Amino acid sequence: MASMTELQSTQSSIPGFSVSHQKIELDIDLLARRLKGKTEITINPHSKELKIVRLNCRQSDVKRITANGKACPNFGYEEPYSKATLRWDAGVHQHHMLRKKIEAQLKSPPDEELVINLPKSVRIDDLDPFSVEAAALTGARSSVGLNTKDDTLGEPSSARTAVEQERRFTPLTIAIDFSIGHIRDGMHFVGWEAEDLRYPHAYTKSFATPGGACCLFPCVDDLSARCTWEISIKCSKTVGDAFSPPPSKMVNGTGGTVNGVHNGVAKMAVDQFQSNMSPEDKVLELFVICTGDMTDEVRSANLSWVFWTD
């Protein structure tokens, strides 16, 4: 992994790109408030000289990155939450020190945390304007790093520039495997504490400023960066399943617990949850609701997959 200083030093010479499509797969453990995910981002370079791709990404552990199927080991990731700390004796009078540490994430748009250095083996070629691939790119309009506006048409000139340029070069697919050990932002959990008697559920919340989406998956978290989406979410099928380890996680017959811990949750807490639930509570189904068009739903014995497109 390259240092952020090395990659940041080339910022001024980095050409832009536009995002035409993003595919997201999330496997959410509601009880432990963690997830595993994978995303594939189709980008359209504005130049053959594109060497670095910058994305917003927070609270994630980036496992693996590829570009057009080729590994990208040379990437830099600066997790902003690790900087949101002060000395133990700091008080309210030091609030400006904390703000200074995270001011890059408070801007609109915020600075990118994930910087991917494309390998030399990834080539960007001219695109045949009459090919099927070129026709599929016609509708993409989102752009990165350009904020100028044309007063005559009342439309961002960056959008028109992206459309013109994205037809000229072959697209790249950036695939990222990641996980979040403990979700602190981006998703809210209700009813998953022993003393909380509300119906267990979780939900995301929209923000007027960027920073909400990149807490759950790497992306270009900019309100002007629009593209088509495919989203699949996997979770437990019922409330009872959410509080019980699946058979595949049985360890030496201990019900998926290791040293008294199941998926980061103390076994005592899991037992308390299960003892407080009636048989009727345990069979209550969990449903995933998302904006867009639902294309498929798969429900197994204790898991549910739901797919959307937008």
Protein backbone atom coordinates (compact mmCIF):
# COMPACT_ATOMS: atom_id res chain seq x y z
CA MET A 1 0.00 0.00 0.00
CA ALA A 2 1.41 3.38 -0.98
CA SER A 3 1.53 6.27 1.44
CA MET A 4 -1.08 8.98 1.09
CA THR A 5 1.69 11.60 0.85
CA GLU A 6 3.15 9.96 -2.24
CA LEU A 7 -0.22 9.73 -3.98
CA GLN A 8 -1.37 13.19 -2.92
CA SER A 9 1.73 14.76 -4.48
CA THR A 10 0.40 13.98 -7.98
CA GLN A 11 -3.05 15.45 -7.37
CA SER A 12 -2.69 18.48 -9.62
CA SER A 13 -1.84 16.35 -12.68
CA ILE A 14 -4.66 13.83 -12.31
CA PRO A 15 -7.20 13.89 -15.18
CA GLY A 16 -10.85 13.38 -14.37
CA PHE A 17 -13.27 10.55 -14.97
CA SER A 18 -17.01 10.00 -14.82
CA VAL A 19 -18.93 7.18 -13.17
CA SER A 20 -21.50 5.48 -15.40
CA HIS A 21 -22.59 2.56 -13.21
CA GLN A 22 -22.04 1.09 -9.75
CA LYS A 23 -22.91 -2.35 -8.44
CA ILE A 24 -23.02 -2.98 -4.68
CA GLU A 25 -23.31 -6.21 -2.68
CA LEU A 26 -23.79 -5.93 1.09
CA ASP A 27 -23.96 -8.79 3.61
CA ILE A 28 -25.20 -7.22 6.86
CA ASP A 29 -24.97 -8.73 10.34
CA LEU A 30 -27.65 -6.71 12.14
CA LEU A 31 -26.89 -7.94 15.65
CA ALA A 32 -23.14 -7.28 15.48
CA ARG A 33 -23.62 -4.09 13.41
CA ARG A 34 -21.06 -5.16 10.86
CA LEU A 35 -21.04 -5.91 7.14
CA LYS A 36 -19.01 -7.43 4.36
CA GLY A 37 -19.31 -5.93 0.92
CA LYS A 38 -18.13 -5.72 -2.63
CA THR A 39 -18.61 -2.95 -5.15
CA GLU A 40 -17.88 -2.67 -8.86
CA ILE A 41 -17.61 0.87 -10.19
CA THR A 42 -17.59 1.43 -13.95
CA ILE A 43 -15.70 4.62 -14.74
CA ASN A 44 -15.18 6.39 -18.05
CA PRO A 45 -11.76 8.07 -18.28
CA HIS A 46 -11.54 11.58 -19.69
CA SER A 47 -7.98 10.91 -20.81
CA LYS A 48 -5.63 8.08 -21.69
CA GLU A 49 -3.34 9.45 -19.01
CA LEU A 50 -5.63 8.47 -16.12
CA LYS A 51 -3.32 6.90 -13.53
CA ILE A 52 -5.07 7.51 -10.21
CA VAL A 53 -8.70 7.01 -9.16
CA ARG A 54 -9.92 8.79 -6.02
CA LEU A 55 -12.99 7.62 -4.10
CA ASN A 56 -14.76 8.50 -0.87
CA CYS A 57 -14.58 5.70 1.70
CA ARG A 58 -15.02 5.83 5.48
CA GLN A 59 -14.93 3.39 8.42
CA SER A 60 -14.07 0.51 6.07
CA ASP A 61 -11.32 -2.07 5.98
CA VAL A 62 -10.31 -2.33 2.33
CA LYS A 63 -9.39 -5.93 1.56
CA ARG A 64 -8.69 -6.04 -2.17
CA ILE A 65 -8.88 -3.79 -5.22
CA THR A 66 -8.75 -4.70 -8.91
CA ALA A 67 -9.00 -2.68 -12.11
CA ASN A 68 -10.34 -4.63 -15.09
CA GLY A 69 -9.52 -7.79 -13.16
CA LYS A 70 -5.89 -6.82 -12.43
CA ALA A 71 -4.76 -6.37 -8.83
CA CYS A 72 -4.11 -2.84 -7.55
CA PRO A 73 -1.81 -3.33 -4.54
CA ASN A 74 -0.59 0.25 -4.69
CA PHE A 75 -3.36 2.22 -3.01
CA GLY A 76 -3.58 4.63 -0.12
CA TYR A 77 -6.37 4.78 2.41
CA GLU A 78 -6.62 7.33 5.21
CA GLU A 79 -9.45 6.35 7.52
CA PRO A 80 -10.85 9.65 8.87
CA TYR A 81 -12.27 8.19 12.09
CA SER A 82 -8.79 7.28 13.25
CA LYS A 83 -7.96 11.00 13.29
CA ALA A 84 -11.04 12.02 15.29
CA THR A 85 -9.27 11.75 18.65
CA LEU A 86 -7.72 14.13 21.16
CA ARG A 87 -5.58 13.71 24.23
CA TRP A 88 -7.27 12.20 27.26
CA ASP A 89 -7.20 15.53 29.11
CA ALA A 90 -8.72 17.56 26.24
CA GLY A 91 -11.95 19.44 26.89
CA VAL A 92 -14.51 21.60 25.16
CA HIS A 93 -11.95 24.37 24.71
CA GLN A 94 -10.00 22.13 22.33
CA HIS A 95 -12.93 21.57 19.94
CA HIS A 96 -11.14 23.56 17.22
CA MET A 97 -8.30 21.02 17.29
CA LEU A 98 -10.69 18.17 16.56
CA ARG A 99 -12.40 20.11 13.78
CA LYS A 100 -9.06 20.83 12.15
CA LYS A 101 -8.27 17.12 12.04
CA ILE A 102 -11.46 16.27 10.14
CA GLU A 103 -12.05 19.49 8.17
CA ALA A 104 -11.25 17.70 4.89
CA GLN A 105 -14.36 15.52 5.44
CA LEU A 106 -16.57 18.49 6.31
CA LYS A 107 -16.13 20.19 2.95
CA SER A 108 -18.62 19.83 0.10
CA PRO A 109 -17.58 17.77 -1.72
CA PRO A 110 -15.31 16.16 0.87
CA ASP A 111 -11.76 15.08 0.11
CA GLU A 112 -11.38 11.50 -1.08
CA GLU A 113 -10.00 9.03 1.44
CA LEU A 114 -9.22 6.14 -0.94
CA VAL A 115 -6.57 6.78 -3.60
CA ILE A 116 -6.03 3.97 -6.11
CA ASN A 117 -2.91 3.90 -8.26
CA LEU A 118 -3.79 2.00 -11.45
CA PRO A 119 -1.22 -0.68 -12.43
CA LYS A 120 0.77 -0.15 -15.60
CA SER A 121 -0.79 -3.26 -17.13
CA VAL A 122 -4.19 -1.51 -17.27
CA ARG A 123 -4.47 0.22 -20.64
CA ILE A 124 -6.91 2.90 -21.69
CA ASP A 125 -7.54 2.77 -25.44
CA ASP A 126 -9.59 4.77 -27.89
CA LEU A 127 -13.15 3.57 -28.12
CA ASP A 128 -14.80 2.76 -31.42
CA PRO A 129 -17.74 5.23 -31.53
CA PHE A 130 -19.84 2.69 -33.47
CA SER A 131 -19.33 -0.18 -31.05
CA VAL A 132 -21.99 -1.57 -28.72
CA GLU A 133 -19.82 -0.55 -25.78
CA ALA A 134 -19.83 3.08 -26.89
CA ALA A 135 -23.60 3.08 -27.32
CA ALA A 136 -24.04 1.86 -23.75
CA LEU A 137 -22.14 4.90 -22.45
CA THR A 138 -24.33 7.50 -24.10
CA GLY A 139 -26.54 8.12 -21.07
CA ALA A 140 -23.86 8.58 -18.41
CA ARG A 141 -23.61 12.14 -17.14
CA SER A 142 -21.86 12.22 -13.77
CA SER A 143 -18.39 13.75 -13.47
CA VAL A 144 -15.61 14.18 -10.96
CA GLY A 145 -13.50 17.19 -10.09
CA LEU A 146 -15.33 19.72 -12.31
CA ASN A 147 -17.78 22.25 -10.91
CA THR A 148 -18.03 24.95 -13.58
CA LYS A 149 -21.45 25.97 -14.81
CA ASP A 150 -22.67 27.26 -18.17
CA ASP A 151 -25.13 30.11 -17.58
CA THR A 152 -26.48 29.93 -21.12
CA LEU A 153 -27.92 26.43 -20.84
CA GLY A 154 -28.32 26.36 -17.06
CA GLU A 155 -26.60 22.98 -16.98
CA PRO A 156 -23.20 22.04 -15.55
CA SER A 157 -20.71 22.08 -18.41
CA SER A 158 -18.90 19.25 -16.62
CA ALA A 159 -21.84 16.94 -17.40
CA ARG A 160 -21.67 17.72 -21.12
CA THR A 161 -17.89 17.35 -21.08
CA ALA A 162 -18.19 13.95 -19.43
CA VAL A 163 -20.66 12.72 -22.05
CA GLU A 164 -18.44 13.90 -24.89
CA GLN A 165 -15.26 12.43 -23.47
CA GLU A 166 -16.57 9.16 -22.09
CA ARG A 167 -17.35 8.05 -25.65
CA ARG A 168 -13.70 8.37 -26.56
CA PHE A 169 -11.98 5.89 -24.22
CA THR A 170 -12.61 2.36 -23.03
CA PRO A 171 -14.22 2.17 -19.57
CA LEU A 172 -12.57 0.69 -16.49
CA THR A 173 -14.20 -1.48 -13.84
CA ILE A 174 -12.85 -0.91 -10.33
CA ALA A 175 -13.76 -3.79 -7.98
CA ILE A 176 -13.29 -3.35 -4.22
CA ASP A 177 -13.74 -5.96 -1.47
CA PHE A 178 -14.22 -4.39 1.94
CA SER A 179 -15.69 -4.88 5.40
CA ILE A 180 -16.87 -2.74 8.30
CA GLY A 181 -16.18 -4.18 11.73
CA HIS A 182 -18.55 -1.84 13.55
CA ILE A 183 -20.97 0.50 11.77
CA ARG A 184 -20.95 3.83 13.60
CA ASP A 185 -22.31 6.08 10.82
CA GLY A 186 -24.50 5.61 7.76
CA MET A 187 -26.94 3.13 9.31
CA HIS A 188 -29.06 3.37 12.45
CA PHE A 189 -30.03 0.31 14.50
CA VAL A 190 -33.18 0.06 16.62
CA GLY A 191 -34.25 -2.80 18.88
CA TRP A 192 -30.95 -4.67 18.89
CA GLU A 193 -30.07 -3.92 22.51
CA ALA A 194 -31.28 -6.13 25.34
CA GLU A 195 -33.16 -3.27 27.02
CA ASP A 196 -34.69 -1.96 23.77
CA LEU A 197 -38.12 -3.59 23.31
CA ARG A 198 -38.88 -1.98 19.95
CA TYR A 199 -39.23 -4.12 16.82
CA PRO A 200 -35.66 -4.82 15.64
CA HIS A 201 -34.85 -2.94 12.45
CA ALA A 202 -32.19 -0.77 10.84
CA TYR A 203 -32.32 2.09 8.36
CA THR A 204 -30.11 4.50 6.46
CA LYS A 205 -30.58 8.25 6.56
CA SER A 206 -30.15 10.80 3.79
CA PHE A 207 -28.03 13.89 4.35
CA ALA A 208 -28.17 17.29 2.67
CA THR A 209 -24.39 17.15 2.33
CA PRO A 210 -22.13 14.33 1.06
CA GLY A 211 -20.70 11.79 3.49
CA GLY A 212 -23.58 9.38 4.12
CA ALA A 213 -23.12 6.85 1.31
CA CYS A 214 -19.34 6.46 1.64
CA CYS A 215 -19.80 5.35 5.25
CA LEU A 216 -21.26 2.08 3.91
CA PHE A 217 -19.38 1.52 0.64
CA PRO A 218 -16.69 3.19 -1.50
CA CYS A 219 -18.13 5.58 -4.06
CA VAL A 220 -17.99 9.10 -5.46
CA ASP A 221 -20.00 10.76 -2.71
CA ASP A 222 -20.99 13.91 -4.56
CA LEU A 223 -24.57 15.09 -5.12
CA SER A 224 -23.69 16.02 -8.72
CA ALA A 225 -22.18 12.60 -9.49
CA ARG A 226 -25.15 10.66 -10.83
CA CYS A 227 -25.06 7.16 -12.31
CA THR A 228 -27.11 3.99 -12.58
CA TRP A 229 -27.02 1.53 -9.65
CA GLU A 230 -27.46 -2.15 -8.84
CA ILE A 231 -27.80 -2.99 -5.16
CA SER A 232 -28.12 -6.38 -3.49
CA ILE A 233 -28.53 -6.75 0.27
CA LYS A 234 -28.23 -9.99 2.22
CA CYS A 235 -29.47 -10.31 5.80
CA SER A 236 -31.23 -12.70 8.17
CA LYS A 237 -34.68 -13.89 7.14
CA THR A 238 -36.42 -13.55 10.52
CA VAL A 239 -35.82 -11.85 13.86
CA GLY A 240 -35.00 -15.23 15.37
CA ASP A 241 -32.41 -15.92 12.67
CA ALA A 242 -30.77 -12.55 13.34
CA PHE A 243 -30.23 -13.56 16.96
CA SER A 244 -29.02 -17.08 16.15
CA PRO A 245 -25.71 -18.10 14.52
CA PRO A 246 -26.26 -19.90 11.19
CA PRO A 247 -25.28 -23.60 10.98
CA SER A 248 -22.30 -22.73 8.77
CA LYS A 249 -20.75 -20.86 11.69
CA MET A 250 -20.91 -23.71 14.20
CA VAL A 251 -17.51 -24.08 15.83
CA ASN A 252 -16.85 -27.35 17.65
CA GLY A 253 -20.56 -27.61 18.40
CA THR A 254 -20.61 -24.31 20.31
CA GLY A 255 -23.18 -22.61 18.13
CA GLY A 256 -20.74 -20.36 16.33
CA THR A 257 -19.22 -18.83 19.45
CA VAL A 258 -15.50 -18.47 19.95
CA ASN A 259 -14.36 -17.73 23.50
CA GLY A 260 -17.93 -16.81 24.39
CA VAL A 261 -18.30 -14.34 21.53
CA HIS A 262 -20.51 -14.69 18.45
CA ASN A 263 -19.81 -12.21 15.65
CA GLY A 264 -18.48 -9.67 18.10
CA VAL A 265 -21.47 -9.94 20.46
CA ALA A 266 -21.07 -11.52 23.90
CA LYS A 267 -22.82 -14.89 24.15
CA MET A 268 -24.54 -13.78 27.37
CA ALA A 269 -26.18 -10.90 25.50
CA VAL A 270 -27.30 -13.24 22.70
CA ASP A 271 -28.80 -15.66 25.23
CA GLN A 272 -30.63 -12.78 26.91
CA PHE A 273 -32.10 -11.65 23.60
CA GLN A 274 -33.31 -15.15 22.79
CA SER A 275 -34.82 -15.70 26.25
CA ASN A 276 -36.80 -12.45 26.01
CA MET A 277 -38.37 -13.38 22.65
CA SER A 278 -41.57 -15.36 22.34
CA PRO A 279 -41.96 -17.96 19.59
CA GLU A 280 -44.14 -15.45 17.73
CA ASP A 281 -41.40 -12.84 17.90
CA LYS A 282 -38.80 -15.20 16.51
CA VAL A 283 -40.74 -15.94 13.32
CA LEU A 284 -41.37 -12.28 12.49
CA GLU A 285 -39.84 -11.72 9.05
CA LEU A 286 -37.28 -9.06 8.21
CA PHE A 287 -37.78 -7.22 4.91
CA VAL A 288 -35.36 -5.03 2.98
CA ILE A 289 -36.87 -1.89 1.45
CA CYS A 290 -34.99 0.31 -0.99
CA THR A 291 -35.80 3.02 -3.54
CA GLY A 292 -35.64 1.85 -7.14
CA ASP A 293 -37.02 -1.21 -8.91
CA MET A 294 -36.78 -4.57 -7.17
CA THR A 295 -35.57 -7.11 -9.72
CA ASP A 296 -35.33 -10.28 -7.62
CA GLU A 297 -35.72 -11.75 -4.14
CA VAL A 298 -34.24 -15.01 -2.88
CA ARG A 299 -35.21 -16.41 0.52
CA SER A 300 -33.51 -19.51 1.93
CA ALA A 301 -34.04 -21.24 5.26
CA ASN A 302 -32.56 -18.40 7.32
CA LEU A 303 -31.23 -15.79 4.87
CA SER A 304 -32.72 -13.30 2.45
CA TRP A 305 -31.22 -11.64 -0.63
CA VAL A 306 -32.94 -8.67 -2.29
CA PHE A 307 -31.81 -6.99 -5.53
CA TRP A 308 -32.61 -3.50 -6.84
CA THR A 309 -31.70 -1.40 -9.84
CA ASP A 310 -32.04 2.33 -10.40
